């Protein structure tokens, strides 16, 4: 996993570090930044969804186990579970918002130097 991370980091360094006055090269840098933004959005949202699914599964399993041990607390456990599920889902929605910002309102595009 570390190798993949460092490989992506090296590619990002190439995309962000180059400076040029050539319009063709600027468009190439713009394309690289957009491509890495799509990759980061997809991977980030995938990891967030995976983490959210694992967290929701653990929450549901714990609630079912608690209800099986003490059926009298089923109402309180269900209420607590729904609050926990909402908080878990909120984290996934935050990742979605960040991914959409990276895709459509990319803050890194403005750092490409203008042709002179």
PDB file of N, CA and C in Angstrom:
ATOM      1  N   UNK A   1       0.819  -1.191   0.000  1.00  0.00           N
ATOM      2  CA  UNK A   1       0.000   0.000   0.000  1.00  0.00           C
ATOM      3  C   UNK A   1       0.863   1.255   0.000  1.00  0.00           C
ATOM      4  N   UNK A   2       1.976   1.187   0.734  1.00  0.00           N
ATOM      5  CA  UNK A   2       2.865   2.346   0.764  1.00  0.00           C
ATOM      6  C   UNK A   2       3.454   2.627  -0.619  1.00  0.00           C
ATOM      7  N   UNK A   3       3.730   1.568  -1.351  1.00  0.00           N
ATOM      8  CA  UNK A   3       4.304   1.750  -2.684  1.00  0.00           C
ATOM      9  C   UNK A   3       3.325   2.471  -3.602  1.00  0.00           C
ATOM     10  N   UNK A   4       2.058   2.092  -3.532  1.00  0.00           N
ATOM     11  CA  UNK A   4       1.039   2.742  -4.369  1.00  0.00           C
ATOM     12  C   UNK A   4       0.891   4.205  -3.971  1.00  0.00           C
ATOM     13  N   UNK A   5       0.880   4.467  -2.669  1.00  0.00           N
ATOM     14  CA  UNK A   5       0.756   5.844  -2.187  1.00  0.00           C
ATOM     15  C   UNK A   5       1.916   6.698  -2.684  1.00  0.00           C
ATOM     16  N   UNK A   6       3.135   6.189  -2.565  1.00  0.00           N
ATOM     17  CA  UNK A   6       4.298   6.965  -3.000  1.00  0.00           C
ATOM     18  C   UNK A   6       4.332   7.121  -4.520  1.00  0.00           C
ATOM     19  N   UNK A   7       3.825   6.135  -5.249  1.00  0.00           N
ATOM     20  CA  UNK A   7       3.752   6.263  -6.698  1.00  0.00           C
ATOM     21  C   UNK A   7       2.778   7.379  -7.088  1.00  0.00           C
ATOM     22  N   UNK A   8       1.607   7.412  -6.453  1.00  0.00           N
ATOM     23  CA  UNK A   8       0.651   8.488  -6.721  1.00  0.00           C
ATOM     24  C   UNK A   8       1.209   9.839  -6.301  1.00  0.00           C
ATOM     25  N   UNK A   9       1.927   9.870  -5.190  1.00  0.00           N
ATOM     26  CA  UNK A   9       2.546  11.109  -4.730  1.00  0.00           C
ATOM     27  C   UNK A   9       3.594  11.598  -5.726  1.00  0.00           C
ATOM     28  N   UNK A  10       4.362  10.670  -6.300  1.00  0.00           N
ATOM     29  CA  UNK A  10       5.362  11.055  -7.297  1.00  0.00           C
ATOM     30  C   UNK A  10       4.701  11.606  -8.554  1.00  0.00           C
ATOM     31  N   UNK A  11       3.618  10.973  -9.003  1.00  0.00           N
ATOM     32  CA  UNK A  11       2.896  11.484 -10.168  1.00  0.00           C
ATOM     33  C   UNK A  11       2.304  12.865  -9.888  1.00  0.00           C
ATOM     34  N   UNK A  12       1.794  13.045  -8.691  1.00  0.00           N
ATOM     35  CA  UNK A  12       1.226  14.348  -8.333  1.00  0.00           C
ATOM     36  C   UNK A  12       2.317  15.411  -8.300  1.00  0.00           C
ATOM     37  N   UNK A  13       3.500  15.049  -7.828  1.00  0.00           N
ATOM     38  CA  UNK A  13       4.599  16.004  -7.795  1.00  0.00           C
ATOM     39  C   UNK A  13       4.962  16.451  -9.203  1.00  0.00           C
ATOM     40  N   UNK A  14       4.956  15.525 -10.142  1.00  0.00           N
ATOM     41  CA  UNK A  14       5.241  15.883 -11.535  1.00  0.00           C
ATOM     42  C   UNK A  14       4.158  16.821 -12.068  1.00  0.00           C
ATOM     43  N   UNK A  15       2.926  16.552 -11.735  1.00  0.00           N
ATOM     44  CA  UNK A  15       1.834  17.372 -12.252  1.00  0.00           C
ATOM     45  C   UNK A  15       1.840  18.772 -11.654  1.00  0.00           C
ATOM     46  N   UNK A  16       2.182  18.895 -10.385  1.00  0.00           N
ATOM     47  CA  UNK A  16       2.083  20.187  -9.720  1.00  0.00           C
ATOM     48  C   UNK A  16       3.371  21.002  -9.768  1.00  0.00           C
ATOM     49  N   UNK A  17       4.517  20.372  -9.986  1.00  0.00           N
ATOM     50  CA  UNK A  17       5.785  21.072  -9.848  1.00  0.00           C
ATOM     51  C   UNK A  17       6.240  21.779 -11.124  1.00  0.00           C
ATOM     52  N   UNK A  18       5.802  21.328 -12.258  1.00  0.00           N
ATOM     53  CA  UNK A  18       6.309  21.869 -13.512  1.00  0.00           C
ATOM     54  C   UNK A  18       5.768  23.278 -13.762  1.00  0.00           C
ATOM     55  N   UNK A  19       6.676  24.143 -14.215  1.00  0.00           N
ATOM     56  CA  UNK A  19       6.272  25.487 -14.617  1.00  0.00           C
ATOM     57  C   UNK A  19       6.677  25.672 -16.074  1.00  0.00           C
ATOM     58  N   UNK A  20       5.817  26.286 -16.822  1.00  0.00           N
ATOM     59  CA  UNK A  20       6.095  26.489 -18.235  1.00  0.00           C
ATOM     60  C   UNK A  20       5.349  27.713 -18.732  1.00  0.00           C
ATOM     61  N   UNK A  21       5.825  28.251 -19.837  1.00  0.00           N
ATOM     62  CA  UNK A  21       5.135  29.344 -20.503  1.00  0.00           C
ATOM     63  C   UNK A  21       4.495  28.874 -21.798  1.00  0.00           C
ATOM     64  N   UNK A  22       4.693  27.620 -22.135  1.00  0.00           N
ATOM     65  CA  UNK A  22       4.137  27.057 -23.352  1.00  0.00           C
ATOM     66  C   UNK A  22       2.673  26.693 -23.115  1.00  0.00           C
ATOM     67  N   UNK A  23       1.788  27.165 -23.982  1.00  0.00           N
ATOM     68  CA  UNK A  23       0.351  26.944 -23.817  1.00  0.00           C
ATOM     69  C   UNK A  23       0.000  25.462 -23.912  1.00  0.00           C
ATOM     70  N   UNK A  24       0.687  24.719 -24.772  1.00  0.00           N
ATOM     71  CA  UNK A  24       0.418  23.288 -24.916  1.00  0.00           C
ATOM     72  C   UNK A  24       0.778  22.550 -23.633  1.00  0.00           C
ATOM     73  N   UNK A  25       1.912  22.907 -23.050  1.00  0.00           N
ATOM     74  CA  UNK A  25       2.318  22.264 -21.806  1.00  0.00           C
ATOM     75  C   UNK A  25       1.394  22.647 -20.659  1.00  0.00           C
ATOM     76  N   UNK A  26       0.887  23.871 -20.667  1.00  0.00           N
ATOM     77  CA  UNK A  26      -0.069  24.270 -19.634  1.00  0.00           C
ATOM     78  C   UNK A  26      -1.351  23.459 -19.733  1.00  0.00           C
ATOM     79  N   UNK A  27      -1.815  23.219 -20.955  1.00  0.00           N
ATOM     80  CA  UNK A  27      -3.007  22.389 -21.131  1.00  0.00           C
ATOM     81  C   UNK A  27      -2.734  20.959 -20.682  1.00  0.00           C
ATOM     82  N   UNK A  28      -1.520  20.468 -20.920  1.00  0.00           N
ATOM     83  CA  UNK A  28      -1.158  19.127 -20.464  1.00  0.00           C
ATOM     84  C   UNK A  28      -1.159  19.066 -18.937  1.00  0.00           C
ATOM     85  N   UNK A  29      -0.620  20.112 -18.282  1.00  0.00           N
ATOM     86  CA  UNK A  29      -0.637  20.152 -16.820  1.00  0.00           C
ATOM     87  C   UNK A  29      -2.062  20.225 -16.308  1.00  0.00           C
ATOM     88  N   UNK A  30      -2.896  21.002 -16.982  1.00  0.00           N
ATOM     89  CA  UNK A  30      -4.305  21.110 -16.607  1.00  0.00           C
ATOM     90  C   UNK A  30      -4.987  19.749 -16.710  1.00  0.00           C
ATOM     91  N   UNK A  31      -4.672  19.008 -17.760  1.00  0.00           N
ATOM     92  CA  UNK A  31      -5.235  17.678 -17.940  1.00  0.00           C
ATOM     93  C   UNK A  31      -4.766  16.725 -16.847  1.00  0.00           C
ATOM     94  N   UNK A  32      -3.488  16.811 -16.481  1.00  0.00           N
ATOM     95  CA  UNK A  32      -2.969  15.959 -15.400  1.00  0.00           C
ATOM     96  C   UNK A  32      -3.665  16.263 -14.082  1.00  0.00           C
ATOM     97  N   UNK A  33      -3.842  17.530 -13.792  1.00  0.00           N
ATOM     98  CA  UNK A  33      -4.487  17.903 -12.535  1.00  0.00           C
ATOM     99  C   UNK A  33      -5.924  17.407 -12.517  1.00  0.00           C
ATOM    100  N   UNK A  34      -6.625  17.540 -13.635  1.00  0.00           N
ATOM    101  CA  UNK A  34      -8.000  17.042 -13.697  1.00  0.00           C
ATOM    102  C   UNK A  34      -8.037  15.524 -13.561  1.00  0.00           C
ATOM    103  N   UNK A  35      -7.088  14.850 -14.192  1.00  0.00           N
ATOM    104  CA  UNK A  35      -7.058  13.390 -14.107  1.00  0.00           C
ATOM    105  C   UNK A  35      -6.795  12.923 -12.685  1.00  0.00           C
ATOM    106  N   UNK A  36      -5.854  13.554 -12.010  1.00  0.00           N
ATOM    107  CA  UNK A  36      -5.578  13.170 -10.626  1.00  0.00           C
ATOM    108  C   UNK A  36      -6.721  13.557  -9.708  1.00  0.00           C
ATOM    109  N   UNK A  37      -7.450  14.604 -10.035  1.00  0.00           N
ATOM    110  CA  UNK A  37      -8.620  14.973  -9.234  1.00  0.00           C
ATOM    111  C   UNK A  37      -9.701  13.911  -9.346  1.00  0.00           C
ATOM    112  N   UNK A  38      -9.908  13.398 -10.545  1.00  0.00           N
ATOM    113  CA  UNK A  38     -10.892  12.329 -10.732  1.00  0.00           C
ATOM    114  C   UNK A  38     -10.463  11.079  -9.976  1.00  0.00           C
ATOM    115  N   UNK A  39      -9.183  10.746 -10.063  1.00  0.00           N
ATOM    116  CA  UNK A  39      -8.664   9.580  -9.354  1.00  0.00           C
ATOM    117  C   UNK A  39      -8.806   9.744  -7.842  1.00  0.00           C
ATOM    118  N   UNK A  40      -8.447  10.904  -7.330  1.00  0.00           N
ATOM    119  CA  UNK A  40      -8.552  11.148  -5.893  1.00  0.00           C
ATOM    120  C   UNK A  40      -9.998  11.141  -5.431  1.00  0.00           C
ATOM    121  N   UNK A  41     -10.892  11.712  -6.225  1.00  0.00           N
ATOM    122  CA  UNK A  41     -12.312  11.723  -5.855  1.00  0.00           C
ATOM    123  C   UNK A  41     -12.864  10.303  -5.815  1.00  0.00           C
ATOM    124  N   UNK A  42     -12.533   9.520  -6.806  1.00  0.00           N
ATOM    125  CA  UNK A  42     -13.021   8.138  -6.838  1.00  0.00           C
ATOM    126  C   UNK A  42     -12.480   7.297  -5.704  1.00  0.00           C
ATOM    127  N   UNK A  43     -11.181   7.380  -5.486  1.00  0.00           N
ATOM    128  CA  UNK A  43     -10.585   6.602  -4.394  1.00  0.00           C
ATOM    129  C   UNK A  43     -11.071   7.086  -3.035  1.00  0.00           C
ATOM    130  N   UNK A  44     -11.132   8.391  -2.859  1.00  0.00           N
ATOM    131  CA  UNK A  44     -11.568   8.928  -1.572  1.00  0.00           C
ATOM    132  C   UNK A  44     -12.994   8.565  -1.248  1.00  0.00           C
ATOM    133  N   UNK A  45     -13.871   8.666  -2.230  1.00  0.00           N
ATOM    134  CA  UNK A  45     -15.270   8.323  -1.999  1.00  0.00           C
ATOM    135  C   UNK A  45     -15.439   6.820  -1.799  1.00  0.00           C
ATOM    136  N   UNK A  46     -14.653   6.035  -2.507  1.00  0.00           N
ATOM    137  CA  UNK A  46     -14.705   4.584  -2.313  1.00  0.00           C
ATOM    138  C   UNK A  46     -14.265   4.164  -0.924  1.00  0.00           C
ATOM    139  N   UNK A  47     -13.187   4.749  -0.447  1.00  0.00           N
ATOM    140  CA  UNK A  47     -12.712   4.440   0.901  1.00  0.00           C
ATOM    141  C   UNK A  47     -13.711   4.922   1.952  1.00  0.00           C
ATOM    142  N   UNK A  48     -14.295   6.093   1.745  1.00  0.00           N
ATOM    143  CA  UNK A  48     -15.291   6.607   2.689  1.00  0.00           C
ATOM    144  C   UNK A  48     -16.520   5.711   2.720  1.00  0.00           C
ATOM    145  N   UNK A  49     -16.969   5.264   1.555  1.00  0.00           N
ATOM    146  CA  UNK A  49     -18.137   4.384   1.506  1.00  0.00           C
ATOM    147  C   UNK A  49     -17.831   3.038   2.162  1.00  0.00           C
ATOM    148  N   UNK A  50     -16.632   2.534   1.937  1.00  0.00           N
ATOM    149  CA  UNK A  50     -16.233   1.275   2.570  1.00  0.00           C
ATOM    150  C   UNK A  50     -16.199   1.416   4.086  1.00  0.00           C
ATOM    151  N   UNK A  51     -15.598   2.489   4.566  1.00  0.00           N
ATOM    152  CA  UNK A  51     -15.554   2.717   6.010  1.00  0.00           C
ATOM    153  C   UNK A  51     -16.931   2.912   6.608  1.00  0.00           C
ATOM    154  N   UNK A  52     -17.781   3.639   5.888  1.00  0.00           N
ATOM    155  CA  UNK A  52     -19.147   3.840   6.352  1.00  0.00           C
ATOM    156  C   UNK A  52     -19.926   2.531   6.414  1.00  0.00           C
ATOM    157  N   UNK A  53     -19.751   1.684   5.409  1.00  0.00           N
ATOM    158  CA  UNK A  53     -20.445   0.402   5.399  1.00  0.00           C
ATOM    159  C   UNK A  53     -19.970  -0.497   6.536  1.00  0.00           C
ATOM    160  N   UNK A  54     -18.682  -0.505   6.789  1.00  0.00           N
ATOM    161  CA  UNK A  54     -18.155  -1.306   7.904  1.00  0.00           C
ATOM    162  C   UNK A  54     -18.676  -0.773   9.234  1.00  0.00           C
ATOM    163  N   UNK A  55     -18.678   0.541   9.388  1.00  0.00           N
ATOM    164  CA  UNK A  55     -19.184   1.136  10.623  1.00  0.00           C
ATOM    165  C   UNK A  55     -20.664   0.881  10.832  1.00  0.00           C
ATOM    166  N   UNK A  56     -21.452   0.980   9.765  1.00  0.00           N
ATOM    167  CA  UNK A  56     -22.887   0.719   9.890  1.00  0.00           C
ATOM    168  C   UNK A  56     -23.159  -0.746  10.208  1.00  0.00           C
ATOM    169  N   UNK A  57     -22.393  -1.631   9.611  1.00  0.00           N
ATOM    170  CA  UNK A  57     -22.556  -3.055   9.909  1.00  0.00           C
ATOM    171  C   UNK A  57     -22.211  -3.380  11.353  1.00  0.00           C
ATOM    172  N   UNK A  58     -21.151  -2.785  11.844  1.00  0.00           N
ATOM    173  CA  UNK A  58     -20.765  -3.001  13.242  1.00  0.00           C
ATOM    174  C   UNK A  58     -21.808  -2.440  14.202  1.00  0.00           C
ATOM    175  N   UNK A  59     -22.348  -1.276  13.858  1.00  0.00           N
ATOM    176  CA  UNK A  59     -23.385  -0.664  14.697  1.00  0.00           C
ATOM    177  C   UNK A  59     -24.630  -1.531  14.742  1.00  0.00           C
ATOM    178  N   UNK A  60     -25.061  -2.020  13.591  1.00  0.00           N
ATOM    179  CA  UNK A  60     -26.248  -2.868  13.547  1.00  0.00           C
ATOM    180  C   UNK A  60     -26.018  -4.178  14.296  1.00  0.00           C
ATOM    181  N   UNK A  61     -24.836  -4.762  14.127  1.00  0.00           N
ATOM    182  CA  UNK A  61     -24.534  -6.020  14.821  1.00  0.00           C
ATOM    183  C   UNK A  61     -24.526  -5.832  16.334  1.00  0.00           C
ATOM    184  N   UNK A  62     -23.952  -4.727  16.785  1.00  0.00           N
ATOM    185  CA  UNK A  62     -23.922  -4.466  18.227  1.00  0.00           C
ATOM    186  C   UNK A  62     -25.328  -4.219  18.770  1.00  0.00           C
ATOM    187  N   UNK A  63     -26.158  -3.537  18.006  1.00  0.00           N
ATOM    188  CA  UNK A  63     -27.535  -3.288  18.442  1.00  0.00           C
ATOM    189  C   UNK A  63     -28.338  -4.582  18.512  1.00  0.00           C
ATOM    190  N   UNK A  64     -28.162  -5.442  17.525  1.00  0.00           N
ATOM    191  CA  UNK A  64     -28.870  -6.728  17.537  1.00  0.00           C
ATOM    192  C   UNK A  64     -28.402  -7.585  18.704  1.00  0.00           C
ATOM    193  N   UNK A  65     -27.095  -7.598  18.953  1.00  0.00           N
ATOM    194  CA  UNK A  65     -26.574  -8.373  20.080  1.00  0.00           C
ATOM    195  C   UNK A  65     -27.079  -7.811  21.405  1.00  0.00           C
ATOM    196  N   UNK A  66     -27.121  -6.502  21.531  1.00  0.00           N
ATOM    197  CA  UNK A  66     -27.626  -5.893  22.763  1.00  0.00           C
ATOM    198  C   UNK A  66     -29.100  -6.158  22.974  1.00  0.00           C
ATOM    199  N   UNK A  67     -29.874  -6.145  21.902  1.00  0.00           N
ATOM    200  CA  UNK A  67     -31.306  -6.443  22.007  1.00  0.00           C
ATOM    201  C   UNK A  67     -31.531  -7.907  22.366  1.00  0.00           C
ATOM    202  N   UNK A  68     -30.684  -8.788  21.847  1.00  0.00           N
ATOM    203  CA  UNK A  68     -30.811 -10.212  22.173  1.00  0.00           C
ATOM    204  C   UNK A  68     -30.488 -10.467  23.649  1.00  0.00           C
ATOM    205  N   UNK A  69     -29.541  -9.722  24.197  1.00  0.00           N
ATOM    206  CA  UNK A  69     -29.179  -9.906  25.605  1.00  0.00           C
ATOM    207  C   UNK A  69     -30.211  -9.304  26.551  1.00  0.00           C
ATOM    208  N   UNK A  70     -30.762  -8.148  26.167  1.00  0.00           N
ATOM    209  CA  UNK A  70     -31.715  -7.456  27.033  1.00  0.00           C
ATOM    210  C   UNK A  70     -32.820  -6.857  26.170  1.00  0.00           C
ATOM    211  N   UNK A  71     -33.871  -7.627  25.917  1.00  0.00           N
ATOM    212  CA  UNK A  71     -34.944  -7.136  25.040  1.00  0.00           C
ATOM    213  C   UNK A  71     -35.664  -5.907  25.586  1.00  0.00           C
ATOM    214  N   UNK A  72     -35.573  -5.636  26.855  1.00  0.00           N
ATOM    215  CA  UNK A  72     -36.235  -4.475  27.435  1.00  0.00           C
ATOM    216  C   UNK A  72     -35.608  -3.156  26.989  1.00  0.00           C
ATOM    217  N   UNK A  73     -34.356  -3.181  26.575  1.00  0.00           N
ATOM    218  CA  UNK A  73     -33.660  -1.972  26.138  1.00  0.00           C
ATOM    219  C   UNK A  73     -33.707  -1.774  24.621  1.00  0.00           C
ATOM    220  N   UNK A  74     -34.544  -2.531  23.939  1.00  0.00           N
ATOM    221  CA  UNK A  74     -34.565  -2.485  22.474  1.00  0.00           C
ATOM    222  C   UNK A  74     -34.862  -1.078  21.946  1.00  0.00           C
ATOM    223  N   UNK A  75     -35.793  -0.375  22.569  1.00  0.00           N
ATOM    224  CA  UNK A  75     -36.148   0.968  22.099  1.00  0.00           C
ATOM    225  C   UNK A  75     -34.994   1.945  22.228  1.00  0.00           C
ATOM    226  N   UNK A  76     -34.326   1.928  23.382  1.00  0.00           N
ATOM    227  CA  UNK A  76     -33.187   2.841  23.588  1.00  0.00           C
ATOM    228  C   UNK A  76     -32.020   2.483  22.662  1.00  0.00           C
ATOM    229  N   UNK A  77     -31.816   1.184  22.479  1.00  0.00           N
ATOM    230  CA  UNK A  77     -30.714   0.779  21.601  1.00  0.00           C
ATOM    231  C   UNK A  77     -30.989   1.177  20.147  1.00  0.00           C
ATOM    232  N   UNK A  78     -32.229   1.042  19.726  1.00  0.00           N
ATOM    233  CA  UNK A  78     -32.559   1.420  18.348  1.00  0.00           C
ATOM    234  C   UNK A  78     -32.390   2.922  18.139  1.00  0.00           C
ATOM    235  N   UNK A  79     -32.815   3.716  19.122  1.00  0.00           N
ATOM    236  CA  UNK A  79     -32.647   5.164  19.010  1.00  0.00           C
ATOM    237  C   UNK A  79     -31.174   5.534  18.912  1.00  0.00           C
ATOM    238  N   UNK A  80     -30.366   4.937  19.775  1.00  0.00           N
ATOM    239  CA  UNK A  80     -28.929   5.201  19.755  1.00  0.00           C
ATOM    240  C   UNK A  80     -28.304   4.738  18.443  1.00  0.00           C
ATOM    241  N   UNK A  81     -28.784   3.600  17.936  1.00  0.00           N
ATOM    242  CA  UNK A  81     -28.248   3.092  16.675  1.00  0.00           C
ATOM    243  C   UNK A  81     -28.565   4.049  15.524  1.00  0.00           C
ATOM    244  N   UNK A  82     -29.781   4.575  15.476  1.00  0.00           N
ATOM    245  CA  UNK A  82     -30.131   5.485  14.380  1.00  0.00           C
ATOM    246  C   UNK A  82     -29.331   6.780  14.450  1.00  0.00           C
ATOM    247  N   UNK A  83     -29.049   7.262  15.643  1.00  0.00           N
ATOM    248  CA  UNK A  83     -28.204   8.456  15.779  1.00  0.00           C
ATOM    249  C   UNK A  83     -26.788   8.156  15.295  1.00  0.00           C
ATOM    250  N   UNK A  84     -26.266   6.988  15.670  1.00  0.00           N
ATOM    251  CA  UNK A  84     -24.917   6.599  15.227  1.00  0.00           C
ATOM    252  C   UNK A  84     -24.871   6.421  13.716  1.00  0.00           C
ATOM    253  N   UNK A  85     -25.906   5.822  13.137  1.00  0.00           N
ATOM    254  CA  UNK A  85     -25.939   5.644  11.682  1.00  0.00           C
ATOM    255  C   UNK A  85     -25.984   6.980  10.956  1.00  0.00           C
ATOM    256  N   UNK A  86     -26.716   7.937  11.505  1.00  0.00           N
ATOM    257  CA  UNK A  86     -26.764   9.265  10.888  1.00  0.00           C
ATOM    258  C   UNK A  86     -25.398   9.934  10.925  1.00  0.00           C
ATOM    259  N   UNK A  87     -24.687   9.781  12.030  1.00  0.00           N
ATOM    260  CA  UNK A  87     -23.340  10.377  12.122  1.00  0.00           C
ATOM    261  C   UNK A  87     -22.365   9.700  11.167  1.00  0.00           C
ATOM    262  N   UNK A  88     -22.469   8.396  11.034  1.00  0.00           N
ATOM    263  CA  UNK A  88     -21.598   7.672  10.099  1.00  0.00           C
ATOM    264  C   UNK A  88     -21.898   8.110   8.665  1.00  0.00           C
ATOM    265  N   UNK A  89     -23.164   8.200   8.331  1.00  0.00           N
ATOM    266  CA  UNK A  89     -23.548   8.602   6.976  1.00  0.00           C
ATOM    267  C   UNK A  89     -23.130  10.042   6.685  1.00  0.00           C
ATOM    268  N   UNK A  90     -23.135  10.890   7.708  1.00  0.00           N
ATOM    269  CA  UNK A  90     -22.698  12.277   7.515  1.00  0.00           C
ATOM    270  C   UNK A  90     -21.240  12.333   7.081  1.00  0.00           C
ATOM    271  N   UNK A  91     -20.414  11.461   7.619  1.00  0.00           N
ATOM    272  CA  UNK A  91     -18.999  11.442   7.226  1.00  0.00           C
ATOM    273  C   UNK A  91     -18.840  11.057   5.762  1.00  0.00           C
ATOM    274  N   UNK A  92     -19.640  10.117   5.299  1.00  0.00           N
ATOM    275  CA  UNK A  92     -19.588   9.722   3.886  1.00  0.00           C
ATOM    276  C   UNK A  92     -20.071  10.870   3.000  1.00  0.00           C
ATOM    277  N   UNK A  93     -21.088  11.596   3.445  1.00  0.00           N
ATOM    278  CA  UNK A  93     -21.583  12.739   2.671  1.00  0.00           C
ATOM    279  C   UNK A  93     -20.527  13.836   2.614  1.00  0.00           C
ATOM    280  N   UNK A  94     -19.779  14.043   3.702  1.00  0.00           N
ATOM    281  CA  UNK A  94     -18.676  15.017   3.677  1.00  0.00           C
ATOM    282  C   UNK A  94     -17.635  14.611   2.632  1.00  0.00           C
ATOM    283  N   UNK A  95     -17.321  13.330   2.553  1.00  0.00           N
ATOM    284  CA  UNK A  95     -16.370  12.863   1.536  1.00  0.00           C
ATOM    285  C   UNK A  95     -16.920  13.101   0.136  1.00  0.00           C
ATOM    286  N   UNK A  96     -18.234  12.914  -0.052  1.00  0.00           N
ATOM    287  CA  UNK A  96     -18.853  13.183  -1.342  1.00  0.00           C
ATOM    288  C   UNK A  96     -18.746  14.653  -1.708  1.00  0.00           C
ATOM    289  N   UNK A  97     -18.970  15.533  -0.758  1.00  0.00           N
ATOM    290  CA  UNK A  97     -18.873  16.971  -1.021  1.00  0.00           C
ATOM    291  C   UNK A  97     -17.446  17.352  -1.414  1.00  0.00           C
ATOM    292  N   UNK A  98     -16.461  16.817  -0.710  1.00  0.00           N
ATOM    293  CA  UNK A  98     -15.059  17.100  -1.036  1.00  0.00           C
ATOM    294  C   UNK A  98     -14.726  16.563  -2.427  1.00  0.00           C
ATOM    295  N   UNK A  99     -15.239  15.383  -2.763  1.00  0.00           N
ATOM    296  CA  UNK A  99     -14.994  14.820  -4.094  1.00  0.00           C
ATOM    297  C   UNK A  99     -15.622  15.689  -5.176  1.00  0.00           C
ATOM    298  N   UNK A 100     -16.828  16.182  -4.934  1.00  0.00           N
ATOM    299  CA  UNK A 100     -17.476  17.046  -5.928  1.00  0.00           C
ATOM    300  C   UNK A 100     -16.737  18.374  -6.082  1.00  0.00           C
ATOM    301  N   UNK A 101     -16.207  18.898  -4.988  1.00  0.00           N
ATOM    302  CA  UNK A 101     -15.403  20.127  -5.077  1.00  0.00           C
ATOM    303  C   UNK A 101     -14.150  19.870  -5.898  1.00  0.00           C
ATOM    304  N   UNK A 102     -13.502  18.738  -5.670  1.00  0.00           N
ATOM    305  CA  UNK A 102     -12.289  18.413  -6.428  1.00  0.00           C
ATOM    306  C   UNK A 102     -12.586  18.216  -7.908  1.00  0.00           C
ATOM    307  N   UNK A 103     -13.785  17.736  -8.224  1.00  0.00           N
ATOM    308  CA  UNK A 103     -14.119  17.490  -9.624  1.00  0.00           C
ATOM    309  C   UNK A 103     -14.589  18.740 -10.359  1.00  0.00           C
ATOM    310  N   UNK A 104     -15.452  19.537  -9.738  1.00  0.00           N
ATOM    311  CA  UNK A 104     -16.109  20.617 -10.458  1.00  0.00           C
ATOM    312  C   UNK A 104     -15.620  22.014 -10.104  1.00  0.00           C
ATOM    313  N   UNK A 105     -15.093  22.204  -8.926  1.00  0.00           N
ATOM    314  CA  UNK A 105     -14.571  23.520  -8.526  1.00  0.00           C
ATOM    315  C   UNK A 105     -13.142  23.334  -8.053  1.00  0.00           C
ATOM    316  N   UNK A 106     -12.336  22.749  -8.904  1.00  0.00           N
ATOM    317  CA  UNK A 106     -10.989  22.338  -8.522  1.00  0.00           C
ATOM    318  C   UNK A 106     -10.148  23.537  -8.085  1.00  0.00           C
ATOM    319  N   UNK A 107      -9.698  23.545  -6.832  1.00  0.00           N
ATOM    320  CA  UNK A 107      -8.918  24.685  -6.356  1.00  0.00           C
ATOM    321  C   UNK A 107      -7.481  24.695  -6.871  1.00  0.00           C
ATOM    322  N   UNK A 108      -7.018  23.596  -7.467  1.00  0.00           N
ATOM    323  CA  UNK A 108      -5.626  23.527  -7.910  1.00  0.00           C
ATOM    324  C   UNK A 108      -5.429  24.069  -9.320  1.00  0.00           C
ATOM    325  N   UNK A 109      -6.486  24.249 -10.088  1.00  0.00           N
ATOM    326  CA  UNK A 109      -6.368  24.743 -11.449  1.00  0.00           C
ATOM    327  C   UNK A 109      -5.804  26.154 -11.478  1.00  0.00           C
ATOM    328  N   UNK A 110      -6.125  26.959 -10.468  1.00  0.00           N
ATOM    329  CA  UNK A 110      -5.670  28.350 -10.480  1.00  0.00           C
ATOM    330  C   UNK A 110      -4.164  28.478 -10.270  1.00  0.00           C
ATOM    331  N   UNK A 111      -3.483  27.416  -9.855  1.00  0.00           N
ATOM    332  CA  UNK A 111      -2.051  27.490  -9.628  1.00  0.00           C
ATOM    333  C   UNK A 111      -1.229  27.247 -10.880  1.00  0.00           C
ATOM    334  N   UNK A 112      -1.877  26.949 -11.993  1.00  0.00           N
ATOM    335  CA  UNK A 112      -1.156  26.776 -13.263  1.00  0.00           C
ATOM    336  C   UNK A 112      -0.761  28.178 -13.746  1.00  0.00           C
ATOM    337  N   UNK A 113       0.519  28.408 -14.010  1.00  0.00           N
ATOM    338  CA  UNK A 113       0.951  29.739 -14.422  1.00  0.00           C
ATOM    339  C   UNK A 113       0.381  30.126 -15.781  1.00  0.00           C
ATOM    340  N   UNK A 114       0.054  31.366 -15.919  1.00  0.00           N
ATOM    341  CA  UNK A 114      -0.510  31.879 -17.178  1.00  0.00           C
ATOM    342  C   UNK A 114       0.583  32.063 -18.216  1.00  0.00           C
ATOM    343  N   UNK A 115       0.218  31.885 -19.461  1.00  0.00           N
ATOM    344  CA  UNK A 115       1.187  32.070 -20.552  1.00  0.00           C
ATOM    345  C   UNK A 115       1.498  33.550 -20.723  1.00  0.00           C
ATOM    346  N   UNK A 116       2.764  33.847 -20.962  1.00  0.00           N
ATOM    347  CA  UNK A 116       3.134  35.260 -21.137  1.00  0.00           C
ATOM    348  C   UNK A 116       3.750  35.494 -22.498  1.00  0.00           C
TER     349      UNK A 116
END
